[in-house]
N, C-alpha and C. Protein backbone atom coordinates (compact mmCIF):
# COMPACT_ATOMS: atom_id res chain seq x y z
N ILE A 1 17.10 -32.26 10.60
CA ILE A 1 16.98 -33.55 10.57
C ILE A 1 18.07 -34.30 9.97
N ILE A 2 18.59 -35.26 10.43
CA ILE A 2 19.72 -36.00 9.95
C ILE A 2 18.99 -37.33 9.48
N ASN A 3 19.34 -37.55 8.30
CA ASN A 3 18.61 -38.62 7.40
C ASN A 3 19.60 -39.89 7.62
N ASN A 4 19.04 -41.05 7.15
CA ASN A 4 19.77 -42.38 7.39
C ASN A 4 20.97 -42.52 6.46
N ASP A 5 21.15 -41.60 5.30
CA ASP A 5 22.23 -41.66 4.46
C ASP A 5 23.15 -40.49 5.01
N GLU A 6 23.11 -40.12 6.22
CA GLU A 6 24.03 -39.00 6.75
C GLU A 6 23.90 -37.59 6.14
N GLY A 7 22.84 -37.49 5.30
CA GLY A 7 22.58 -36.26 4.79
C GLY A 7 21.62 -35.37 5.93
N PHE A 8 21.34 -34.26 5.72
CA PHE A 8 20.49 -33.48 6.58
C PHE A 8 19.69 -32.44 5.86
N GLU A 9 18.71 -32.00 6.42
CA GLU A 9 17.71 -30.96 5.89
C GLU A 9 17.13 -30.18 7.06
N TYR A 10 16.76 -28.99 6.88
CA TYR A 10 16.11 -28.23 7.90
C TYR A 10 14.66 -28.40 7.77
N SER A 11 13.92 -28.42 8.91
CA SER A 11 12.46 -28.65 9.17
C SER A 11 12.03 -27.28 9.50
N ALA A 12 10.78 -27.08 9.24
CA ALA A 12 9.89 -25.89 9.39
C ALA A 12 9.88 -25.68 11.06
N ILE A 13 9.87 -24.39 11.40
CA ILE A 13 9.74 -24.05 12.76
C ILE A 13 8.30 -23.64 12.96
N ARG A 14 7.61 -24.35 13.94
CA ARG A 14 6.16 -24.11 14.18
C ARG A 14 6.11 -23.56 15.66
N GLN A 15 5.28 -22.56 15.76
CA GLN A 15 4.98 -22.05 17.18
C GLN A 15 4.09 -22.96 17.93
N VAL A 16 4.32 -23.38 19.11
CA VAL A 16 3.22 -23.95 20.04
C VAL A 16 3.11 -23.15 21.26
N ASP A 17 2.02 -22.55 21.47
CA ASP A 17 1.77 -21.64 22.60
C ASP A 17 0.79 -22.34 23.73
N PHE A 18 1.62 -22.85 24.71
CA PHE A 18 0.69 -23.38 25.78
C PHE A 18 -0.01 -22.50 26.66
N ASN A 19 0.30 -21.24 26.54
CA ASN A 19 -0.48 -20.29 27.37
C ASN A 19 -1.67 -19.67 26.55
N SER A 20 -2.26 -20.45 25.66
CA SER A 20 -3.21 -19.83 24.55
C SER A 20 -4.41 -19.40 25.36
N ALA A 21 -5.16 -18.41 24.87
CA ALA A 21 -6.39 -17.93 25.54
C ALA A 21 -7.44 -18.89 25.26
N TYR A 22 -7.29 -19.75 24.49
CA TYR A 22 -8.51 -20.84 24.34
C TYR A 22 -7.91 -22.20 24.15
N THR A 23 -8.63 -23.32 24.35
CA THR A 23 -8.44 -24.66 24.21
C THR A 23 -9.24 -25.38 23.23
N PHE A 24 -8.65 -26.43 22.66
CA PHE A 24 -9.52 -27.21 21.66
C PHE A 24 -9.77 -28.66 22.47
N THR A 25 -10.74 -29.17 22.07
CA THR A 25 -11.05 -30.56 22.54
C THR A 25 -11.58 -31.36 21.48
N LEU A 26 -10.91 -32.53 21.28
CA LEU A 26 -11.21 -33.44 20.13
C LEU A 26 -11.97 -34.67 20.74
N TYR A 27 -13.18 -35.21 20.34
CA TYR A 27 -13.79 -36.27 20.65
C TYR A 27 -14.55 -36.93 19.49
N PRO A 28 -15.05 -38.13 19.49
CA PRO A 28 -14.64 -39.09 20.47
C PRO A 28 -13.26 -39.79 20.08
N ASN A 29 -12.56 -40.45 21.00
CA ASN A 29 -11.33 -40.96 20.63
C ASN A 29 -11.24 -42.29 21.33
N PRO A 30 -11.22 -43.48 20.64
CA PRO A 30 -11.39 -43.61 19.07
C PRO A 30 -12.55 -43.30 18.48
N ALA A 31 -12.41 -42.84 17.14
CA ALA A 31 -13.35 -42.43 16.28
C ALA A 31 -13.87 -43.24 15.24
N SER A 32 -15.05 -43.30 14.80
CA SER A 32 -15.45 -44.26 13.71
C SER A 32 -15.97 -43.55 12.49
N ASP A 33 -16.90 -42.49 12.51
CA ASP A 33 -17.49 -41.72 11.63
C ASP A 33 -17.05 -40.40 11.47
N ARG A 34 -17.16 -39.69 12.66
CA ARG A 34 -16.82 -38.35 12.68
C ARG A 34 -16.01 -38.03 14.13
N ILE A 35 -15.14 -37.03 13.95
CA ILE A 35 -14.62 -36.39 15.15
C ILE A 35 -15.13 -35.08 15.36
N TYR A 36 -15.27 -34.47 16.62
CA TYR A 36 -15.80 -33.15 16.89
C TYR A 36 -14.68 -32.38 17.52
N LEU A 37 -14.77 -31.12 17.14
CA LEU A 37 -13.70 -30.28 17.53
C LEU A 37 -14.42 -28.98 18.27
N ASN A 38 -14.04 -28.89 19.57
CA ASN A 38 -14.79 -27.87 20.48
C ASN A 38 -13.73 -26.94 20.79
N THR A 39 -14.15 -25.63 21.02
CA THR A 39 -13.15 -24.70 21.59
C THR A 39 -14.05 -23.82 22.63
N ASP A 40 -13.25 -23.43 23.53
CA ASP A 40 -13.86 -22.42 24.50
C ASP A 40 -13.62 -21.08 24.21
N GLY A 41 -13.08 -20.73 23.02
CA GLY A 41 -12.75 -19.51 22.52
C GLY A 41 -14.11 -18.68 22.37
N PRO A 42 -14.07 -17.33 22.50
CA PRO A 42 -15.45 -16.51 22.62
C PRO A 42 -15.90 -16.16 21.17
N SER A 43 -15.04 -16.29 20.12
CA SER A 43 -15.60 -16.06 18.71
C SER A 43 -15.85 -17.18 17.93
N GLY A 44 -15.89 -18.43 18.40
CA GLY A 44 -15.96 -19.53 17.46
C GLY A 44 -14.75 -20.18 17.10
N ILE A 45 -14.79 -20.93 15.96
CA ILE A 45 -13.60 -21.99 15.51
C ILE A 45 -13.25 -21.13 14.31
N HIS A 46 -11.98 -20.63 14.11
CA HIS A 46 -11.26 -20.16 12.87
C HIS A 46 -9.96 -20.68 12.78
N VAL A 47 -9.80 -21.84 12.16
CA VAL A 47 -8.56 -22.50 12.06
C VAL A 47 -8.52 -23.30 10.83
N SER A 48 -7.28 -23.71 10.37
CA SER A 48 -7.02 -24.68 9.32
C SER A 48 -6.83 -25.85 10.09
N ILE A 49 -7.40 -27.08 9.63
CA ILE A 49 -6.99 -28.40 10.25
C ILE A 49 -6.40 -29.26 9.21
N TYR A 50 -5.62 -30.11 9.65
CA TYR A 50 -5.07 -31.25 8.68
C TYR A 50 -4.92 -32.51 9.56
N ILE A 51 -5.43 -33.42 8.84
CA ILE A 51 -5.57 -34.84 9.61
C ILE A 51 -4.29 -35.45 8.81
N LEU A 52 -3.06 -35.85 9.77
CA LEU A 52 -2.06 -36.52 9.20
C LEU A 52 -2.04 -37.99 9.71
N ASN A 53 -1.40 -38.67 8.59
CA ASN A 53 -1.20 -40.25 8.82
C ASN A 53 0.13 -40.19 9.64
N THR A 54 0.53 -41.51 9.93
CA THR A 54 1.76 -41.69 10.71
C THR A 54 3.05 -41.34 10.09
N GLN A 55 2.96 -41.07 8.77
CA GLN A 55 4.10 -40.72 7.84
C GLN A 55 4.22 -39.17 7.75
N GLY A 56 3.15 -38.55 8.40
CA GLY A 56 3.21 -36.88 8.26
C GLY A 56 2.47 -36.43 7.25
N GLN A 57 1.91 -37.33 6.24
CA GLN A 57 1.16 -36.81 5.05
C GLN A 57 -0.10 -36.38 5.41
N ALA A 58 -0.60 -35.25 4.97
CA ALA A 58 -1.99 -34.66 5.14
C ALA A 58 -3.04 -35.47 4.35
N VAL A 59 -3.92 -36.16 4.97
CA VAL A 59 -4.73 -37.09 4.34
C VAL A 59 -6.26 -36.38 4.28
N ILE A 60 -6.46 -35.33 5.10
CA ILE A 60 -7.53 -34.32 5.12
C ILE A 60 -7.17 -33.05 5.53
N SER A 61 -7.54 -32.00 4.65
CA SER A 61 -7.19 -30.62 5.13
C SER A 61 -8.53 -29.84 4.95
N ARG A 62 -8.68 -28.86 5.80
CA ARG A 62 -9.96 -28.11 5.77
C ARG A 62 -9.75 -26.92 6.72
N THR A 63 -10.49 -25.89 6.15
CA THR A 63 -10.53 -24.58 6.88
C THR A 63 -11.83 -24.56 7.63
N ILE A 64 -11.89 -24.19 8.67
CA ILE A 64 -13.13 -23.98 9.58
C ILE A 64 -13.13 -22.60 9.99
N ASP A 65 -14.12 -21.78 9.47
CA ASP A 65 -14.44 -20.37 9.83
C ASP A 65 -15.88 -20.29 10.28
N SER A 66 -16.12 -20.62 11.58
CA SER A 66 -17.44 -20.71 12.06
C SER A 66 -17.50 -19.90 13.41
N ASN A 67 -18.68 -19.21 13.57
CA ASN A 67 -19.00 -18.47 14.82
C ASN A 67 -19.49 -19.64 15.76
N LEU A 68 -19.66 -20.85 15.59
CA LEU A 68 -20.03 -21.75 16.56
C LEU A 68 -18.69 -22.31 17.31
N SER A 69 -19.01 -22.99 18.37
CA SER A 69 -17.83 -23.38 19.32
C SER A 69 -17.65 -24.80 18.95
N GLN A 70 -18.32 -25.54 18.00
CA GLN A 70 -18.13 -26.89 17.61
C GLN A 70 -18.25 -27.33 16.19
N ALA A 71 -17.22 -28.08 15.85
CA ALA A 71 -17.06 -28.24 14.25
C ALA A 71 -17.04 -29.90 14.11
N ALA A 72 -17.80 -30.44 13.08
CA ALA A 72 -17.74 -32.03 12.83
C ALA A 72 -16.89 -32.17 11.69
N ILE A 73 -16.00 -33.15 11.80
CA ILE A 73 -15.00 -33.66 10.54
C ILE A 73 -15.15 -34.81 10.35
N ASP A 74 -15.69 -35.16 9.06
CA ASP A 74 -15.88 -36.68 8.56
C ASP A 74 -14.66 -37.53 8.41
N VAL A 75 -14.48 -38.61 9.01
CA VAL A 75 -13.33 -39.47 8.97
C VAL A 75 -13.70 -40.75 8.44
N ARG A 76 -14.97 -40.97 7.98
CA ARG A 76 -15.31 -42.40 7.60
C ARG A 76 -14.47 -43.01 6.60
N ASN A 77 -13.82 -42.10 5.59
CA ASN A 77 -13.07 -42.77 4.63
C ASN A 77 -11.58 -43.06 4.87
N LEU A 78 -11.19 -42.76 6.26
CA LEU A 78 -9.76 -43.00 6.58
C LEU A 78 -9.72 -44.62 6.94
N ARG A 79 -8.64 -45.09 6.73
CA ARG A 79 -8.34 -46.42 7.12
C ARG A 79 -8.19 -46.50 8.48
N PRO A 80 -8.47 -47.52 9.28
CA PRO A 80 -8.27 -47.85 10.68
C PRO A 80 -6.66 -47.61 11.10
N GLY A 81 -6.44 -46.89 12.18
CA GLY A 81 -5.10 -46.67 12.60
C GLY A 81 -5.13 -45.49 13.38
N LEU A 82 -3.79 -45.01 13.63
CA LEU A 82 -3.24 -43.81 14.42
C LEU A 82 -3.30 -42.63 13.34
N TYR A 83 -3.81 -41.43 13.79
CA TYR A 83 -3.71 -40.24 13.11
C TYR A 83 -3.37 -39.04 13.98
N PHE A 84 -3.11 -37.88 13.51
CA PHE A 84 -2.79 -36.64 14.14
C PHE A 84 -3.64 -35.51 13.69
N LEU A 85 -4.15 -34.79 14.44
CA LEU A 85 -5.05 -33.64 13.94
C LEU A 85 -4.21 -32.26 14.30
N ARG A 86 -3.68 -31.69 13.19
CA ARG A 86 -3.00 -30.57 13.36
C ARG A 86 -3.90 -29.24 13.08
N ILE A 87 -3.87 -28.38 14.03
CA ILE A 87 -4.86 -27.25 14.18
C ILE A 87 -3.91 -26.09 13.81
N ASP A 88 -3.90 -25.29 12.95
CA ASP A 88 -3.29 -23.94 12.81
C ASP A 88 -4.33 -22.94 13.02
N SER A 89 -4.02 -21.98 13.93
CA SER A 89 -5.02 -20.93 14.11
C SER A 89 -4.28 -19.72 13.38
N ARG A 90 -5.28 -18.75 13.40
CA ARG A 90 -4.96 -17.42 12.75
C ARG A 90 -3.98 -16.83 13.33
N ASP A 91 -3.53 -16.75 14.59
CA ASP A 91 -2.46 -16.09 15.20
C ASP A 91 -1.12 -16.77 15.23
N GLY A 92 -1.09 -17.86 14.28
CA GLY A 92 0.24 -18.68 14.14
C GLY A 92 0.44 -19.84 15.09
N THR A 93 -0.54 -20.06 16.14
CA THR A 93 -0.38 -21.05 17.17
C THR A 93 -0.59 -22.55 16.29
N THR A 94 0.09 -23.37 16.56
CA THR A 94 -0.09 -24.74 16.08
C THR A 94 -0.34 -25.82 17.23
N LEU A 95 -1.36 -26.52 17.08
CA LEU A 95 -1.71 -27.60 18.14
C LEU A 95 -1.76 -28.90 17.40
N LEU A 96 -1.30 -30.12 18.23
CA LEU A 96 -1.38 -31.31 17.64
C LEU A 96 -2.12 -32.27 18.67
N GLU A 97 -3.09 -32.97 18.08
CA GLU A 97 -3.77 -33.87 19.05
C GLU A 97 -3.67 -35.33 18.18
N LYS A 98 -3.63 -36.30 19.01
CA LYS A 98 -3.41 -37.70 18.40
C LYS A 98 -4.89 -38.36 18.52
N PHE A 99 -5.36 -39.22 17.53
CA PHE A 99 -6.55 -39.80 17.72
C PHE A 99 -6.47 -41.15 17.01
N THR A 100 -7.41 -42.03 17.25
CA THR A 100 -7.35 -43.33 16.51
C THR A 100 -8.63 -43.49 15.77
N LYS A 101 -8.53 -44.20 14.51
CA LYS A 101 -9.71 -44.34 13.69
C LYS A 101 -9.95 -45.61 13.85
N GLN A 102 -11.14 -46.14 14.09
CA GLN A 102 -11.69 -47.43 14.33
C GLN A 102 -11.90 -48.20 12.92
């Protein structure tokens, strides 16, 4: 990354696997109180999630280790605006989903 002051720094390398054996669905979008994360994976949801603001700062982080195919995430305390849900799975896959908080 090249900064405005002509300096530079290296960013972390993240794996994004578009041929993943499972998919995640985030709803509702826009959200007001909760967002729900669903997966079609056969063994449930076993991920770390981070809700990031537009500056890339994690405002919520949580580990979900459940044999269920759905998890609820409370977003009531977030200010209205645009956020990103980063999903880090056990196998190193990182997925990013955008959502709006009303």
